[in-house]
């Protein structure tokens, strides 16, 4: 029985890791999908990653994830500013 539990926990880490789960069952993927669906290319990628790191920081890598989120937000700002100056 322990082997089955081990396999289930490994599958959970691939499909539904705890650091991507909200208290009410919503996953980070759901938030990214709902808020980034209209974005494409670089901006969609940057926003999705920023959201991911912001939502998981306290469950996984702490301040490191907040720094990663900030990097992606900075990329979003630069990209948006480049569109405005065209």
N, C-alpha and C. Protein backbone atom coordinates (compact mmCIF):
# COMPACT_ATOMS: atom_id res chain seq x y z
N UNK A 1 0.82 -1.21 0.00
CA UNK A 1 0.00 0.00 0.00
C UNK A 1 0.86 1.27 0.00
N UNK A 2 2.00 1.23 0.64
CA UNK A 2 2.86 2.42 0.68
C UNK A 2 3.33 2.81 -0.71
N UNK A 3 3.58 1.85 -1.58
CA UNK A 3 4.02 2.14 -2.93
C UNK A 3 2.95 2.92 -3.68
N UNK A 4 1.70 2.52 -3.55
CA UNK A 4 0.59 3.22 -4.22
C UNK A 4 0.49 4.65 -3.71
N UNK A 5 0.62 4.85 -2.42
CA UNK A 5 0.58 6.20 -1.86
C UNK A 5 1.74 7.04 -2.40
N UNK A 6 2.90 6.41 -2.53
CA UNK A 6 4.07 7.11 -3.09
C UNK A 6 3.80 7.55 -4.53
N UNK A 7 3.25 6.67 -5.33
CA UNK A 7 2.93 6.97 -6.73
C UNK A 7 1.89 8.09 -6.80
N UNK A 8 0.87 8.03 -5.98
CA UNK A 8 -0.16 9.08 -5.96
C UNK A 8 0.43 10.43 -5.60
N UNK A 9 1.33 10.45 -4.62
CA UNK A 9 1.91 11.73 -4.24
C UNK A 9 2.78 12.28 -5.35
N UNK A 10 3.49 11.42 -6.07
CA UNK A 10 4.31 11.87 -7.21
C UNK A 10 3.41 12.42 -8.31
N UNK A 11 2.31 11.75 -8.60
CA UNK A 11 1.37 12.22 -9.62
C UNK A 11 0.79 13.57 -9.19
N UNK A 12 0.50 13.73 -7.92
CA UNK A 12 -0.04 14.99 -7.42
C UNK A 12 0.96 16.12 -7.63
N UNK A 13 2.24 15.83 -7.47
CA UNK A 13 3.27 16.85 -7.67
C UNK A 13 3.38 17.26 -9.12
N UNK A 14 2.97 16.40 -10.03
CA UNK A 14 3.00 16.73 -11.46
C UNK A 14 1.72 17.43 -11.88
N UNK A 15 0.59 16.88 -11.50
CA UNK A 15 -0.70 17.38 -11.98
C UNK A 15 -1.35 18.44 -11.10
N UNK A 16 -1.19 18.34 -9.81
CA UNK A 16 -1.85 19.27 -8.89
C UNK A 16 -0.97 19.55 -7.67
N UNK A 17 0.20 20.17 -7.87
CA UNK A 17 1.07 20.42 -6.72
C UNK A 17 0.41 21.37 -5.72
N UNK A 18 0.71 21.13 -4.46
CA UNK A 18 0.11 21.93 -3.39
C UNK A 18 0.39 23.42 -3.53
N UNK A 19 1.59 23.78 -4.02
CA UNK A 19 1.93 25.20 -4.11
C UNK A 19 1.19 25.91 -5.24
N UNK A 20 0.43 25.17 -6.05
CA UNK A 20 -0.42 25.78 -7.09
C UNK A 20 -1.91 25.65 -6.77
N UNK A 21 -2.23 25.21 -5.56
CA UNK A 21 -3.62 25.03 -5.14
C UNK A 21 -4.03 26.15 -4.19
N UNK A 22 -5.21 26.71 -4.43
CA UNK A 22 -5.77 27.68 -3.51
C UNK A 22 -6.57 26.98 -2.42
N UNK A 23 -6.98 27.73 -1.44
CA UNK A 23 -7.73 27.16 -0.31
C UNK A 23 -9.07 26.58 -0.73
N UNK A 24 -9.66 27.07 -1.82
CA UNK A 24 -10.98 26.61 -2.22
C UNK A 24 -10.95 25.77 -3.50
N UNK A 25 -9.77 25.22 -3.82
CA UNK A 25 -9.67 24.31 -4.95
C UNK A 25 -9.27 24.94 -6.26
N UNK A 26 -9.26 26.26 -6.33
CA UNK A 26 -8.84 26.91 -7.57
C UNK A 26 -7.33 26.77 -7.70
N UNK A 27 -6.89 26.54 -8.93
CA UNK A 27 -5.47 26.40 -9.18
C UNK A 27 -4.92 27.63 -9.90
N UNK A 28 -3.64 27.82 -9.78
CA UNK A 28 -2.98 28.94 -10.45
C UNK A 28 -3.30 28.92 -11.94
N UNK A 29 -3.32 27.74 -12.55
CA UNK A 29 -3.64 27.62 -13.98
C UNK A 29 -4.98 28.28 -14.29
N UNK A 30 -5.96 28.08 -13.41
CA UNK A 30 -7.30 28.65 -13.64
C UNK A 30 -7.25 30.18 -13.66
N UNK A 31 -6.48 30.75 -12.74
CA UNK A 31 -6.36 32.21 -12.68
C UNK A 31 -5.66 32.73 -13.93
N UNK A 32 -4.55 32.09 -14.29
CA UNK A 32 -3.81 32.51 -15.48
C UNK A 32 -4.71 32.43 -16.71
N UNK A 33 -5.42 31.35 -16.85
CA UNK A 33 -6.31 31.17 -18.00
C UNK A 33 -7.38 32.26 -18.05
N UNK A 34 -7.98 32.55 -16.91
CA UNK A 34 -9.05 33.54 -16.87
C UNK A 34 -8.58 34.96 -17.12
N UNK A 35 -7.38 35.30 -16.72
CA UNK A 35 -6.91 36.67 -16.82
C UNK A 35 -5.95 36.91 -17.98
N UNK A 36 -5.49 35.87 -18.64
CA UNK A 36 -4.50 36.05 -19.70
C UNK A 36 -4.98 35.54 -21.05
N UNK A 37 -6.20 35.10 -21.14
CA UNK A 37 -6.71 34.48 -22.36
C UNK A 37 -6.61 35.39 -23.58
N UNK A 38 -6.81 36.69 -23.39
CA UNK A 38 -6.79 37.61 -24.52
C UNK A 38 -5.38 38.03 -24.92
N UNK A 39 -4.42 37.75 -24.09
CA UNK A 39 -3.04 38.13 -24.39
C UNK A 39 -2.36 37.01 -25.17
N UNK A 40 -1.44 37.41 -26.02
CA UNK A 40 -0.71 36.39 -26.76
C UNK A 40 0.78 36.71 -26.75
N UNK A 41 1.56 35.80 -27.22
CA UNK A 41 2.99 36.01 -27.35
C UNK A 41 3.67 36.33 -26.04
N UNK A 42 4.63 37.24 -26.14
CA UNK A 42 5.45 37.59 -24.98
C UNK A 42 4.63 38.08 -23.79
N UNK A 43 3.67 38.96 -24.05
CA UNK A 43 2.91 39.55 -22.94
C UNK A 43 2.14 38.48 -22.17
N UNK A 44 1.52 37.56 -22.89
CA UNK A 44 0.81 36.47 -22.23
C UNK A 44 1.74 35.61 -21.40
N UNK A 45 2.91 35.32 -21.95
CA UNK A 45 3.90 34.52 -21.24
C UNK A 45 4.37 35.23 -19.98
N UNK A 46 4.71 36.52 -20.11
CA UNK A 46 5.18 37.28 -18.96
C UNK A 46 4.11 37.39 -17.87
N UNK A 47 2.88 37.69 -18.28
CA UNK A 47 1.82 37.83 -17.28
C UNK A 47 1.54 36.50 -16.59
N UNK A 48 1.49 35.43 -17.35
CA UNK A 48 1.25 34.11 -16.75
C UNK A 48 2.30 33.76 -15.72
N UNK A 49 3.56 34.03 -16.03
CA UNK A 49 4.63 33.73 -15.09
C UNK A 49 4.57 34.64 -13.87
N UNK A 50 4.28 35.92 -14.06
CA UNK A 50 4.17 36.83 -12.92
C UNK A 50 3.07 36.36 -11.98
N UNK A 51 1.92 36.00 -12.54
CA UNK A 51 0.80 35.50 -11.73
C UNK A 51 1.22 34.25 -10.97
N UNK A 52 1.85 33.33 -11.68
CA UNK A 52 2.28 32.06 -11.08
C UNK A 52 3.16 32.31 -9.86
N UNK A 53 4.17 33.16 -10.02
CA UNK A 53 5.09 33.39 -8.91
C UNK A 53 4.45 34.15 -7.77
N UNK A 54 3.57 35.09 -8.08
CA UNK A 54 2.88 35.84 -7.02
C UNK A 54 1.97 34.92 -6.21
N UNK A 55 1.28 34.02 -6.88
CA UNK A 55 0.33 33.17 -6.16
C UNK A 55 0.98 32.04 -5.38
N UNK A 56 2.18 31.65 -5.73
CA UNK A 56 2.79 30.51 -5.03
C UNK A 56 3.89 30.89 -4.06
N UNK A 57 4.29 32.14 -4.00
CA UNK A 57 5.49 32.53 -3.26
C UNK A 57 5.52 32.05 -1.82
N UNK A 58 4.41 32.14 -1.12
CA UNK A 58 4.41 31.80 0.31
C UNK A 58 4.36 30.30 0.55
N UNK A 59 4.05 29.51 -0.49
CA UNK A 59 4.01 28.06 -0.34
C UNK A 59 5.27 27.38 -0.87
N UNK A 60 6.08 28.11 -1.64
CA UNK A 60 7.21 27.43 -2.26
C UNK A 60 8.55 28.10 -1.97
N UNK A 61 8.89 29.17 -2.66
CA UNK A 61 10.25 29.71 -2.58
C UNK A 61 10.35 31.08 -1.92
N UNK A 62 9.29 31.55 -1.29
CA UNK A 62 9.35 32.81 -0.55
C UNK A 62 9.76 34.00 -1.41
N UNK A 63 10.67 34.79 -0.89
CA UNK A 63 11.09 36.03 -1.53
C UNK A 63 11.67 35.78 -2.93
N UNK A 64 12.30 34.64 -3.14
CA UNK A 64 12.83 34.32 -4.47
C UNK A 64 11.73 34.37 -5.53
N UNK A 65 10.57 33.82 -5.22
CA UNK A 65 9.46 33.85 -6.17
C UNK A 65 8.94 35.27 -6.38
N UNK A 66 8.95 36.09 -5.34
CA UNK A 66 8.53 37.48 -5.50
C UNK A 66 9.50 38.23 -6.42
N UNK A 67 10.77 37.92 -6.29
CA UNK A 67 11.76 38.55 -7.19
C UNK A 67 11.54 38.10 -8.64
N UNK A 68 11.22 36.83 -8.81
CA UNK A 68 10.94 36.33 -10.16
C UNK A 68 9.71 37.02 -10.74
N UNK A 69 8.68 37.18 -9.92
CA UNK A 69 7.47 37.87 -10.38
C UNK A 69 7.81 39.29 -10.80
N UNK A 70 8.63 39.97 -10.02
CA UNK A 70 9.03 41.34 -10.34
C UNK A 70 9.77 41.41 -11.67
N UNK A 71 10.62 40.42 -11.93
CA UNK A 71 11.34 40.37 -13.21
C UNK A 71 10.37 40.30 -14.38
N UNK A 72 9.34 39.46 -14.25
CA UNK A 72 8.37 39.34 -15.34
C UNK A 72 7.51 40.59 -15.47
N UNK A 73 7.19 41.22 -14.36
CA UNK A 73 6.43 42.47 -14.41
C UNK A 73 7.26 43.56 -15.08
N UNK A 74 8.56 43.62 -14.76
CA UNK A 74 9.44 44.57 -15.42
C UNK A 74 9.48 44.34 -16.93
N UNK A 75 9.50 43.08 -17.35
CA UNK A 75 9.48 42.76 -18.78
C UNK A 75 8.17 43.22 -19.42
N UNK A 76 7.07 43.07 -18.69
CA UNK A 76 5.78 43.53 -19.19
C UNK A 76 5.78 45.04 -19.38
N UNK A 77 6.33 45.75 -18.41
CA UNK A 77 6.38 47.22 -18.49
C UNK A 77 7.20 47.65 -19.70
N UNK A 78 8.37 47.06 -19.88
CA UNK A 78 9.22 47.41 -21.02
C UNK A 78 8.53 47.12 -22.34
N UNK A 79 7.88 45.98 -22.42
CA UNK A 79 7.19 45.61 -23.66
C UNK A 79 6.04 46.57 -23.94
N UNK A 80 5.26 46.88 -22.93
CA UNK A 80 4.13 47.81 -23.11
C UNK A 80 4.62 49.20 -23.47
N UNK A 81 5.69 49.64 -22.84
CA UNK A 81 6.25 50.95 -23.16
C UNK A 81 6.76 50.99 -24.61
N UNK A 82 7.31 49.88 -25.08
CA UNK A 82 7.78 49.84 -26.48
C UNK A 82 6.61 49.95 -27.46
N UNK A 83 5.46 49.43 -27.08
CA UNK A 83 4.27 49.56 -27.94
C UNK A 83 3.79 51.01 -27.97
N UNK A 84 3.87 51.70 -26.83
CA UNK A 84 3.39 53.07 -26.74
C UNK A 84 4.27 54.06 -27.50
N UNK A 85 5.54 53.72 -27.68
CA UNK A 85 6.44 54.64 -28.37
C UNK A 85 6.54 54.38 -29.87
N UNK A 86 5.76 53.48 -30.37
CA UNK A 86 5.80 53.19 -31.82
C UNK A 86 4.98 54.17 -32.60
